[in-house]
Amino acid sequence: DGSPLHFGLCVWSTGVKAVPLIQSLPPTIPKGRGGRLLIDDRLRLMGQEDKGVFALGDCAVSESKPLPCLAQAAQQQARYLGSVLNRYPEPHTSPEVPPFQYHHLGSMAQLGMWKGVVDSAKLDEEGKEGGRKGVLTGLTAFLLWRAAYWTKSVSWANKMLIPMFWLKSWIFGRDISRF
């Protein structure tokens, strides 16, 4: 009915497992949690460090510093690996290659009903409804989430289609039909 539901703790558990390509690799390739490839702090595949094999994103996991399966982690890994490959002629054997450092930029979620939540250390104002510092909720957070989602879309076609889909779902509701 739209009334608030007060609770003490919300646990959200989702499944994250390796894609079929990674699962199909031979058992000689070391894998960690969820069947993901084990990597070191320079994104090199464990056991293959001297061969120049790198892994990143959701298909890779570091036992010493596991990262969240988020787009921002994969994007930072991709930027790091691109700069390493461009800077060092033999990045897999060069001792000068710095380890990868992840910087959490915050979390955002769209909650529906024109509400959202943004949790970021970069927010210096109190969150709405007496929330803690660094948390923003409500319509402003919803609009920030939408703006971030739209600006991160890659192609111009998607940048045009996304607002049209949002408008369509606002007017007609979500299409949940299956064929």
N, C-alpha and C. Protein backbone atom coordinates (compact mmCIF):
# COMPACT_ATOMS: atom_id res chain seq x y z
N ASP A 1 0.80 -1.21 0.00
CA ASP A 1 0.00 0.00 0.00
C ASP A 1 0.84 1.27 0.00
N GLY A 2 2.15 1.14 -0.02
CA GLY A 2 3.03 2.30 -0.07
C GLY A 2 3.44 2.82 1.29
N SER A 3 2.96 2.23 2.38
CA SER A 3 3.36 2.71 3.69
C SER A 3 4.75 2.18 4.04
N PRO A 4 5.52 2.93 4.84
CA PRO A 4 6.89 2.50 5.17
C PRO A 4 6.89 1.20 5.97
N LEU A 5 7.87 0.38 5.72
CA LEU A 5 8.06 -0.86 6.47
C LEU A 5 9.37 -0.72 7.23
N HIS A 6 9.28 -0.57 8.55
CA HIS A 6 10.47 -0.35 9.36
C HIS A 6 11.09 -1.70 9.72
N PHE A 7 12.39 -1.78 9.63
CA PHE A 7 13.10 -3.02 9.93
C PHE A 7 14.48 -2.67 10.45
N GLY A 8 15.14 -3.64 11.07
CA GLY A 8 16.45 -3.40 11.67
C GLY A 8 17.59 -3.68 10.72
N LEU A 9 17.47 -4.69 9.88
CA LEU A 9 18.56 -5.09 9.00
C LEU A 9 17.99 -5.67 7.73
N CYS A 10 18.54 -5.26 6.61
CA CYS A 10 18.14 -5.82 5.32
C CYS A 10 19.35 -6.51 4.72
N VAL A 11 19.22 -7.78 4.39
CA VAL A 11 20.30 -8.54 3.77
C VAL A 11 19.88 -8.86 2.35
N TRP A 12 20.72 -8.46 1.41
CA TRP A 12 20.43 -8.73 0.01
C TRP A 12 21.49 -9.70 -0.48
N SER A 13 21.07 -10.85 -0.91
CA SER A 13 22.00 -11.87 -1.38
C SER A 13 21.68 -12.18 -2.83
N THR A 14 22.66 -12.02 -3.68
CA THR A 14 22.48 -12.35 -5.08
C THR A 14 23.56 -13.33 -5.49
N GLY A 15 23.30 -14.05 -6.52
CA GLY A 15 24.28 -15.02 -6.99
C GLY A 15 25.24 -14.40 -7.97
N VAL A 16 26.50 -14.62 -7.73
CA VAL A 16 27.53 -14.18 -8.66
C VAL A 16 28.40 -15.40 -8.94
N LYS A 17 28.33 -15.88 -10.15
CA LYS A 17 29.16 -17.01 -10.49
C LYS A 17 29.82 -16.73 -11.84
N ALA A 18 30.83 -17.50 -12.12
CA ALA A 18 31.59 -17.31 -13.35
C ALA A 18 30.75 -17.65 -14.57
N VAL A 19 31.04 -16.98 -15.68
CA VAL A 19 30.37 -17.25 -16.94
C VAL A 19 30.80 -18.61 -17.46
N PRO A 20 30.02 -19.23 -18.35
CA PRO A 20 30.35 -20.57 -18.84
C PRO A 20 31.77 -20.71 -19.42
N LEU A 21 32.28 -19.66 -20.07
CA LEU A 21 33.64 -19.73 -20.62
C LEU A 21 34.65 -19.99 -19.51
N ILE A 22 34.55 -19.27 -18.41
CA ILE A 22 35.48 -19.43 -17.29
C ILE A 22 35.26 -20.79 -16.63
N GLN A 23 34.02 -21.20 -16.48
CA GLN A 23 33.73 -22.50 -15.88
C GLN A 23 34.29 -23.65 -16.71
N SER A 24 34.35 -23.46 -18.03
CA SER A 24 34.81 -24.54 -18.91
C SER A 24 36.33 -24.67 -18.98
N LEU A 25 37.06 -23.75 -18.37
CA LEU A 25 38.53 -23.85 -18.39
C LEU A 25 38.98 -25.07 -17.60
N PRO A 26 40.11 -25.65 -17.98
CA PRO A 26 40.57 -26.87 -17.30
C PRO A 26 40.82 -26.65 -15.81
N PRO A 27 40.73 -27.71 -15.01
CA PRO A 27 40.94 -27.57 -13.57
C PRO A 27 42.36 -27.19 -13.18
N THR A 28 43.29 -27.22 -14.12
CA THR A 28 44.67 -26.80 -13.83
C THR A 28 44.77 -25.29 -13.65
N ILE A 29 43.79 -24.56 -14.17
CA ILE A 29 43.76 -23.10 -13.98
C ILE A 29 43.15 -22.85 -12.60
N PRO A 30 43.89 -22.16 -11.71
CA PRO A 30 43.39 -21.96 -10.35
C PRO A 30 42.16 -21.04 -10.30
N LYS A 31 41.17 -21.51 -9.56
CA LYS A 31 39.94 -20.74 -9.42
C LYS A 31 39.64 -20.53 -7.95
N GLY A 32 38.98 -19.44 -7.66
CA GLY A 32 38.62 -19.09 -6.29
C GLY A 32 37.13 -19.15 -6.09
N ARG A 33 36.66 -18.32 -5.19
CA ARG A 33 35.25 -18.24 -4.82
C ARG A 33 34.35 -18.06 -6.04
N GLY A 34 33.32 -18.87 -6.14
CA GLY A 34 32.37 -18.75 -7.24
C GLY A 34 32.91 -19.24 -8.57
N GLY A 35 34.04 -19.95 -8.56
CA GLY A 35 34.62 -20.44 -9.81
C GLY A 35 35.32 -19.38 -10.63
N ARG A 36 35.62 -18.25 -9.99
CA ARG A 36 36.29 -17.16 -10.70
C ARG A 36 37.80 -17.38 -10.71
N LEU A 37 38.47 -16.82 -11.70
CA LEU A 37 39.92 -16.98 -11.85
C LEU A 37 40.67 -16.28 -10.72
N LEU A 38 41.66 -16.95 -10.16
CA LEU A 38 42.47 -16.36 -9.10
C LEU A 38 43.53 -15.45 -9.70
N ILE A 39 43.61 -14.23 -9.19
CA ILE A 39 44.59 -13.27 -9.68
C ILE A 39 45.41 -12.72 -8.52
N ASP A 40 46.57 -12.14 -8.86
CA ASP A 40 47.39 -11.49 -7.84
C ASP A 40 47.05 -10.00 -7.79
N ASP A 41 47.84 -9.23 -7.07
CA ASP A 41 47.53 -7.80 -6.90
C ASP A 41 47.84 -6.95 -8.13
N ARG A 42 48.36 -7.58 -9.18
CA ARG A 42 48.62 -6.88 -10.45
C ARG A 42 47.73 -7.43 -11.57
N LEU A 43 46.66 -8.14 -11.18
CA LEU A 43 45.65 -8.72 -12.08
C LEU A 43 46.20 -9.84 -12.95
N ARG A 44 47.35 -10.40 -12.58
CA ARG A 44 47.93 -11.52 -13.33
C ARG A 44 47.29 -12.82 -12.84
N LEU A 45 47.03 -13.72 -13.77
CA LEU A 45 46.45 -15.01 -13.42
C LEU A 45 47.44 -15.81 -12.59
N MET A 46 46.99 -16.29 -11.43
CA MET A 46 47.87 -17.06 -10.54
C MET A 46 48.36 -18.31 -11.27
N GLY A 47 49.64 -18.58 -11.09
CA GLY A 47 50.25 -19.72 -11.76
C GLY A 47 50.70 -19.40 -13.17
N GLN A 48 50.31 -18.26 -13.69
CA GLN A 48 50.66 -17.85 -15.06
C GLN A 48 51.28 -16.46 -15.06
N GLU A 49 51.80 -16.02 -13.91
CA GLU A 49 52.29 -14.64 -13.77
C GLU A 49 53.36 -14.27 -14.79
N ASP A 50 54.21 -15.22 -15.15
CA ASP A 50 55.31 -14.93 -16.08
C ASP A 50 54.91 -15.06 -17.54
N LYS A 51 53.66 -15.40 -17.84
CA LYS A 51 53.22 -15.62 -19.22
C LYS A 51 52.39 -14.47 -19.78
N GLY A 52 52.10 -13.46 -18.97
CA GLY A 52 51.35 -12.32 -19.47
C GLY A 52 49.86 -12.58 -19.61
N VAL A 53 49.29 -13.39 -18.73
CA VAL A 53 47.85 -13.65 -18.75
C VAL A 53 47.22 -12.84 -17.62
N PHE A 54 46.29 -11.97 -17.98
CA PHE A 54 45.62 -11.11 -17.01
C PHE A 54 44.12 -11.43 -17.00
N ALA A 55 43.49 -11.17 -15.87
CA ALA A 55 42.04 -11.34 -15.75
C ALA A 55 41.49 -10.21 -14.89
N LEU A 56 40.28 -9.77 -15.21
CA LEU A 56 39.68 -8.67 -14.44
C LEU A 56 38.18 -8.75 -14.50
N GLY A 57 37.54 -7.94 -13.69
CA GLY A 57 36.09 -7.89 -13.67
C GLY A 57 35.49 -9.04 -12.89
N ASP A 58 34.26 -9.39 -13.23
CA ASP A 58 33.52 -10.42 -12.51
C ASP A 58 34.11 -11.82 -12.68
N CYS A 59 34.95 -12.04 -13.68
CA CYS A 59 35.51 -13.38 -13.89
C CYS A 59 36.75 -13.61 -13.04
N ALA A 60 37.22 -12.61 -12.31
CA ALA A 60 38.47 -12.72 -11.55
C ALA A 60 38.25 -12.38 -10.08
N VAL A 61 39.06 -13.00 -9.21
CA VAL A 61 39.00 -12.71 -7.78
C VAL A 61 40.40 -12.82 -7.18
N SER A 62 40.69 -11.91 -6.28
CA SER A 62 41.95 -11.94 -5.54
C SER A 62 41.65 -12.46 -4.14
N GLU A 63 42.37 -13.48 -3.70
CA GLU A 63 42.13 -14.02 -2.35
C GLU A 63 42.57 -13.03 -1.29
N SER A 64 43.63 -12.26 -1.55
CA SER A 64 44.14 -11.33 -0.54
C SER A 64 43.30 -10.05 -0.46
N LYS A 65 42.78 -9.59 -1.59
CA LYS A 65 41.97 -8.36 -1.62
C LYS A 65 40.77 -8.55 -2.54
N PRO A 66 39.75 -9.29 -2.08
CA PRO A 66 38.57 -9.48 -2.95
C PRO A 66 37.84 -8.16 -3.16
N LEU A 67 37.36 -7.96 -4.36
CA LEU A 67 36.65 -6.73 -4.72
C LEU A 67 35.17 -7.02 -4.92
N PRO A 68 34.33 -6.00 -4.77
CA PRO A 68 32.91 -6.21 -5.05
C PRO A 68 32.70 -6.40 -6.55
N CYS A 69 31.71 -7.19 -6.90
CA CYS A 69 31.38 -7.40 -8.32
C CYS A 69 30.53 -6.23 -8.80
N LEU A 70 31.19 -5.09 -8.99
CA LEU A 70 30.53 -3.87 -9.43
C LEU A 70 31.20 -3.37 -10.70
N ALA A 71 30.43 -2.64 -11.48
CA ALA A 71 30.97 -2.05 -12.71
C ALA A 71 32.13 -1.11 -12.40
N GLN A 72 32.06 -0.37 -11.29
CA GLN A 72 33.14 0.57 -10.98
C GLN A 72 34.45 -0.15 -10.70
N ALA A 73 34.39 -1.35 -10.10
CA ALA A 73 35.62 -2.12 -9.86
C ALA A 73 36.21 -2.59 -11.19
N ALA A 74 35.37 -3.13 -12.06
CA ALA A 74 35.85 -3.60 -13.37
C ALA A 74 36.38 -2.44 -14.21
N GLN A 75 35.72 -1.30 -14.15
CA GLN A 75 36.17 -0.13 -14.91
C GLN A 75 37.53 0.35 -14.41
N GLN A 76 37.72 0.38 -13.10
CA GLN A 76 39.02 0.79 -12.55
C GLN A 76 40.10 -0.22 -12.91
N GLN A 77 39.77 -1.51 -12.88
CA GLN A 77 40.73 -2.53 -13.28
C GLN A 77 41.12 -2.37 -14.74
N ALA A 78 40.14 -2.09 -15.60
CA ALA A 78 40.41 -1.93 -17.03
C ALA A 78 41.32 -0.72 -17.28
N ARG A 79 41.06 0.38 -16.59
CA ARG A 79 41.92 1.57 -16.75
C ARG A 79 43.34 1.26 -16.27
N TYR A 80 43.44 0.60 -15.13
CA TYR A 80 44.76 0.23 -14.58
C TYR A 80 45.51 -0.66 -15.58
N LEU A 81 44.85 -1.73 -16.04
CA LEU A 81 45.52 -2.66 -16.94
C LEU A 81 45.89 -2.00 -18.26
N GLY A 82 45.03 -1.13 -18.79
CA GLY A 82 45.35 -0.41 -20.02
C GLY A 82 46.59 0.47 -19.84
N SER A 83 46.68 1.17 -18.72
CA SER A 83 47.85 2.02 -18.49
C SER A 83 49.11 1.19 -18.28
N VAL A 84 48.98 0.06 -17.60
CA VAL A 84 50.14 -0.81 -17.38
C VAL A 84 50.64 -1.38 -18.71
N LEU A 85 49.72 -1.85 -19.54
CA LEU A 85 50.12 -2.42 -20.84
C LEU A 85 50.74 -1.37 -21.76
N ASN A 86 50.29 -0.13 -21.65
CA ASN A 86 50.86 0.94 -22.47
C ASN A 86 52.19 1.46 -21.93
N ARG A 87 52.40 1.37 -20.64
CA ARG A 87 53.58 1.95 -20.01
C ARG A 87 54.78 0.99 -19.93
N TYR A 88 54.52 -0.28 -19.69
CA TYR A 88 55.61 -1.25 -19.48
C TYR A 88 55.67 -2.24 -20.63
N PRO A 89 56.87 -2.42 -21.24
CA PRO A 89 56.98 -3.34 -22.37
C PRO A 89 56.75 -4.80 -21.98
N GLU A 90 57.12 -5.20 -20.78
CA GLU A 90 56.92 -6.56 -20.28
C GLU A 90 56.21 -6.47 -18.93
N PRO A 91 54.93 -6.11 -18.92
CA PRO A 91 54.26 -5.86 -17.63
C PRO A 91 54.13 -7.09 -16.74
N HIS A 92 54.13 -8.27 -17.33
CA HIS A 92 53.96 -9.47 -16.53
C HIS A 92 55.22 -9.87 -15.76
N THR A 93 56.38 -9.34 -16.16
CA THR A 93 57.62 -9.68 -15.46
C THR A 93 58.31 -8.46 -14.85
N SER A 94 57.82 -7.28 -15.13
CA SER A 94 58.47 -6.06 -14.65
C SER A 94 58.17 -5.84 -13.16
N PRO A 95 59.22 -5.71 -12.33
CA PRO A 95 58.99 -5.48 -10.89
C PRO A 95 58.51 -4.05 -10.60
N GLU A 96 58.62 -3.14 -11.56
CA GLU A 96 58.21 -1.75 -11.34
C GLU A 96 56.70 -1.54 -11.43
N VAL A 97 55.98 -2.54 -11.92
CA VAL A 97 54.53 -2.38 -12.09
C VAL A 97 53.89 -2.26 -10.71
N PRO A 98 53.19 -1.14 -10.46
CA PRO A 98 52.55 -0.96 -9.15
C PRO A 98 51.33 -1.88 -9.02
N PRO A 99 50.99 -2.27 -7.81
CA PRO A 99 49.79 -3.10 -7.63
C PRO A 99 48.53 -2.29 -7.89
N PHE A 100 47.47 -2.98 -8.25
CA PHE A 100 46.18 -2.34 -8.49
C PHE A 100 45.60 -1.85 -7.17
N GLN A 101 45.06 -0.63 -7.17
CA GLN A 101 44.42 -0.04 -5.99
C GLN A 101 42.97 0.30 -6.35
N TYR A 102 42.05 -0.28 -5.61
CA TYR A 102 40.63 -0.01 -5.83
C TYR A 102 40.19 1.15 -4.93
N HIS A 103 39.42 2.08 -5.49
CA HIS A 103 38.88 3.21 -4.74
C HIS A 103 37.36 3.18 -4.87
N HIS A 104 36.69 2.85 -3.78
CA HIS A 104 35.23 2.76 -3.82
C HIS A 104 34.63 4.16 -3.95
N LEU A 105 33.83 4.35 -4.97
CA LEU A 105 33.24 5.66 -5.24
C LEU A 105 31.87 5.84 -4.59
N GLY A 106 31.33 4.77 -4.04
CA GLY A 106 30.02 4.83 -3.41
C GLY A 106 29.06 3.85 -4.07
N SER A 107 27.87 3.79 -3.53
CA SER A 107 26.85 2.88 -4.05
C SER A 107 25.56 3.66 -4.28
N MET A 108 24.83 3.24 -5.30
CA MET A 108 23.55 3.87 -5.62
C MET A 108 22.54 2.77 -5.90
N ALA A 109 21.29 3.04 -5.56
CA ALA A 109 20.23 2.09 -5.87
C ALA A 109 18.94 2.86 -6.15
N GLN A 110 18.21 2.36 -7.12
CA GLN A 110 16.89 2.89 -7.44
C GLN A 110 15.90 2.01 -6.68
N LEU A 111 15.05 2.61 -5.86
CA LEU A 111 14.14 1.84 -5.02
C LEU A 111 12.72 1.78 -5.56
N GLY A 112 12.46 2.47 -6.65
CA GLY A 112 11.11 2.52 -7.20
C GLY A 112 10.31 3.64 -6.55
N MET A 113 9.12 3.89 -7.06
CA MET A 113 8.24 4.94 -6.53
C MET A 113 8.96 6.28 -6.42
N TRP A 114 9.84 6.59 -7.38
CA TRP A 114 10.58 7.84 -7.45
C TRP A 114 11.50 8.04 -6.25
N LYS A 115 12.00 6.94 -5.69
CA LYS A 115 12.91 7.02 -4.55
C LYS A 115 14.18 6.25 -4.85
N GLY A 116 15.25 6.70 -4.23
CA GLY A 116 16.53 6.03 -4.39
C GLY A 116 17.38 6.27 -3.17
N VAL A 117 18.57 5.69 -3.19
CA VAL A 117 19.53 5.90 -2.11
C VAL A 117 20.92 6.00 -2.73
N VAL A 118 21.69 6.94 -2.23
CA VAL A 118 23.08 7.14 -2.64
C VAL A 118 23.92 7.12 -1.37
N ASP A 119 24.91 6.27 -1.34
CA ASP A 119 25.81 6.16 -0.19
C ASP A 119 27.21 6.48 -0.70
N SER A 120 27.72 7.64 -0.34
CA SER A 120 29.01 8.07 -0.85
C SER A 120 29.70 8.96 0.18
N ALA A 121 30.98 8.72 0.38
CA ALA A 121 31.76 9.55 1.29
C ALA A 121 31.89 10.98 0.76
N LYS A 122 31.66 11.16 -0.53
CA LYS A 122 31.79 12.49 -1.12
C LYS A 122 30.62 13.40 -0.80
N LEU A 123 29.54 12.84 -0.26
CA LEU A 123 28.40 13.67 0.14
C LEU A 123 28.69 14.25 1.51
N ASP A 124 28.71 15.57 1.63
CA ASP A 124 28.97 16.15 2.94
C ASP A 124 27.74 16.65 3.64
N GLU A 125 26.59 16.47 3.05
CA GLU A 125 25.38 16.92 3.73
C GLU A 125 24.69 15.72 4.37
N GLU A 126 23.88 15.99 5.36
CA GLU A 126 23.11 14.93 6.01
C GLU A 126 22.11 14.37 5.00
N GLY A 127 21.90 13.06 5.07
CA GLY A 127 20.91 12.43 4.22
C GLY A 127 19.51 12.88 4.62
N LYS A 128 18.59 12.71 3.72
CA LYS A 128 17.21 13.08 4.02
C LYS A 128 16.67 12.19 5.14
N GLU A 129 15.67 12.62 5.79
CA GLU A 129 14.99 11.88 6.85
C GLU A 129 15.93 11.52 7.99
N GLY A 130 16.89 12.40 8.30
CA GLY A 130 17.77 12.18 9.45
C GLY A 130 18.78 11.06 9.26
N GLY A 131 19.10 10.72 8.04
CA GLY A 131 20.05 9.65 7.78
C GLY A 131 21.46 10.02 8.19
N ARG A 132 22.38 9.10 8.04
CA ARG A 132 23.76 9.38 8.46
C ARG A 132 24.49 10.16 7.39
N LYS A 133 25.60 10.74 7.76
CA LYS A 133 26.41 11.55 6.85
C LYS A 133 26.88 10.69 5.67
N GLY A 134 26.82 11.23 4.49
CA GLY A 134 27.24 10.51 3.30
C GLY A 134 26.13 9.73 2.62
N VAL A 135 24.92 9.78 3.17
CA VAL A 135 23.79 9.05 2.58
C VAL A 135 22.73 10.05 2.16
N LEU A 136 22.25 9.88 0.95
CA LEU A 136 21.20 10.73 0.41
C LEU A 136 20.07 9.81 -0.02
N THR A 137 18.84 10.15 0.33
CA THR A 137 17.70 9.31 -0.03
C THR A 137 16.62 10.16 -0.68
N GLY A 138 15.62 9.49 -1.21
CA GLY A 138 14.46 10.17 -1.76
C GLY A 138 14.58 10.48 -3.24
N LEU A 139 13.84 11.49 -3.66
CA LEU A 139 13.77 11.87 -5.07
C LEU A 139 15.14 12.31 -5.61
N THR A 140 15.89 13.07 -4.83
CA THR A 140 17.20 13.53 -5.28
C THR A 140 18.12 12.35 -5.57
N ALA A 141 18.12 11.37 -4.69
CA ALA A 141 18.94 10.18 -4.91
C ALA A 141 18.48 9.40 -6.14
N PHE A 142 17.17 9.32 -6.33
CA PHE A 142 16.61 8.65 -7.50
C PHE A 142 17.08 9.33 -8.78
N LEU A 143 17.03 10.66 -8.80
CA LEU A 143 17.46 11.41 -9.99
C LEU A 143 18.96 11.29 -10.21
N LEU A 144 19.75 11.27 -9.14
CA LEU A 144 21.20 11.06 -9.27
C LEU A 144 21.50 9.69 -9.87
N TRP A 145 20.76 8.66 -9.40
CA TRP A 145 20.96 7.31 -9.95
C TRP A 145 20.65 7.30 -11.44
N ARG A 146 19.53 7.90 -11.80
CA ARG A 146 19.16 7.94 -13.22
C ARG A 146 20.20 8.69 -14.05
N ALA A 147 20.69 9.81 -13.53
CA ALA A 147 21.70 10.58 -14.26
C ALA A 147 22.99 9.78 -14.42
N ALA A 148 23.42 9.08 -13.37
CA ALA A 148 24.63 8.27 -13.45
C ALA A 148 24.44 7.13 -14.44
N TYR A 149 23.30 6.47 -14.40
CA TYR A 149 23.01 5.36 -15.31
C TYR A 149 23.04 5.85 -16.76
N TRP A 150 22.39 6.98 -17.00
CA TRP A 150 22.32 7.51 -18.36
C TRP A 150 23.69 7.93 -18.87
N THR A 151 24.47 8.63 -18.03
CA THR A 151 25.78 9.12 -18.49
C THR A 151 26.78 8.00 -18.69
N LYS A 152 26.61 6.87 -18.00
CA LYS A 152 27.53 5.74 -18.17
C LYS A 152 27.19 4.87 -19.38
N SER A 153 26.04 5.07 -19.99
CA SER A 153 25.72 4.28 -21.18
C SER A 153 26.67 4.70 -22.30
N VAL A 154 27.10 3.73 -23.08
CA VAL A 154 28.20 3.94 -24.01
C VAL A 154 27.77 4.59 -25.32
N SER A 155 26.75 4.03 -25.95
CA SER A 155 26.40 4.50 -27.29
C SER A 155 25.37 5.62 -27.26
N TRP A 156 25.38 6.42 -28.31
CA TRP A 156 24.40 7.49 -28.43
C TRP A 156 23.01 6.92 -28.65
N ALA A 157 22.93 5.77 -29.30
CA ALA A 157 21.62 5.13 -29.49
C ALA A 157 21.00 4.81 -28.13
N ASN A 158 21.79 4.25 -27.22
CA ASN A 158 21.27 3.96 -25.88
C ASN A 158 20.93 5.23 -25.12
N LYS A 159 21.74 6.26 -25.30
CA LYS A 159 21.45 7.53 -24.62
C LYS A 159 20.12 8.12 -25.08
N MET A 160 19.70 7.78 -26.28
CA MET A 160 18.40 8.24 -26.76
C MET A 160 17.29 7.28 -26.34
N LEU A 161 17.57 5.98 -26.36
CA LEU A 161 16.54 4.99 -26.05
C LEU A 161 16.19 4.93 -24.56
N ILE A 162 17.17 5.07 -23.70
CA ILE A 162 16.94 4.93 -22.25
C ILE A 162 15.86 5.89 -21.75
N PRO A 163 15.94 7.20 -22.03
CA PRO A 163 14.86 8.08 -21.56
C PRO A 163 13.50 7.72 -22.17
N MET A 164 13.49 7.20 -23.40
CA MET A 164 12.22 6.80 -24.00
C MET A 164 11.64 5.59 -23.25
N PHE A 165 12.48 4.64 -22.86
CA PHE A 165 12.00 3.50 -22.07
C PHE A 165 11.50 3.94 -20.70
N TRP A 166 12.21 4.90 -20.09
CA TRP A 166 11.77 5.42 -18.80
C TRP A 166 10.40 6.08 -18.93
N LEU A 167 10.22 6.88 -19.97
CA LEU A 167 8.94 7.54 -20.20
C LEU A 167 7.84 6.51 -20.44
N LYS A 168 8.13 5.51 -21.26
CA LYS A 168 7.15 4.46 -21.55
C LYS A 168 6.71 3.74 -20.27
N SER A 169 7.67 3.39 -19.41
CA SER A 169 7.31 2.69 -18.17
C SER A 169 6.59 3.61 -17.19
N TRP A 170 6.87 4.89 -17.24
CA TRP A 170 6.17 5.84 -16.38
C TRP A 170 4.71 5.98 -16.80
N ILE A 171 4.48 6.02 -18.12
CA ILE A 171 3.11 6.18 -18.63
C ILE A 171 2.32 4.88 -18.52
N PHE A 172 2.92 3.77 -18.97
CA PHE A 172 2.18 2.51 -19.08
C PHE A 172 2.50 1.49 -17.97
N GLY A 173 3.49 1.77 -17.16
CA GLY A 173 3.92 0.80 -16.16
C GLY A 173 4.92 -0.18 -16.75
N ARG A 174 5.48 -0.99 -15.89
CA ARG A 174 6.46 -1.98 -16.36
C ARG A 174 5.78 -3.10 -17.12
N ASP A 175 6.42 -3.55 -18.18
CA ASP A 175 5.91 -4.66 -18.96
C ASP A 175 6.50 -5.95 -18.37
N ILE A 176 5.66 -6.74 -17.74
CA ILE A 176 6.16 -7.98 -17.11
C ILE A 176 5.67 -9.22 -17.85
N SER A 177 5.15 -9.03 -19.06
CA SER A 177 4.65 -10.17 -19.81
C SER A 177 5.80 -11.03 -20.31
N ARG A 178 5.49 -12.32 -20.43
CA ARG A 178 6.47 -13.28 -20.96
C ARG A 178 5.84 -14.03 -22.13
N PHE A 179 6.67 -14.39 -23.07
CA PHE A 179 6.17 -15.13 -24.23
C PHE A 179 6.82 -16.48 -24.29
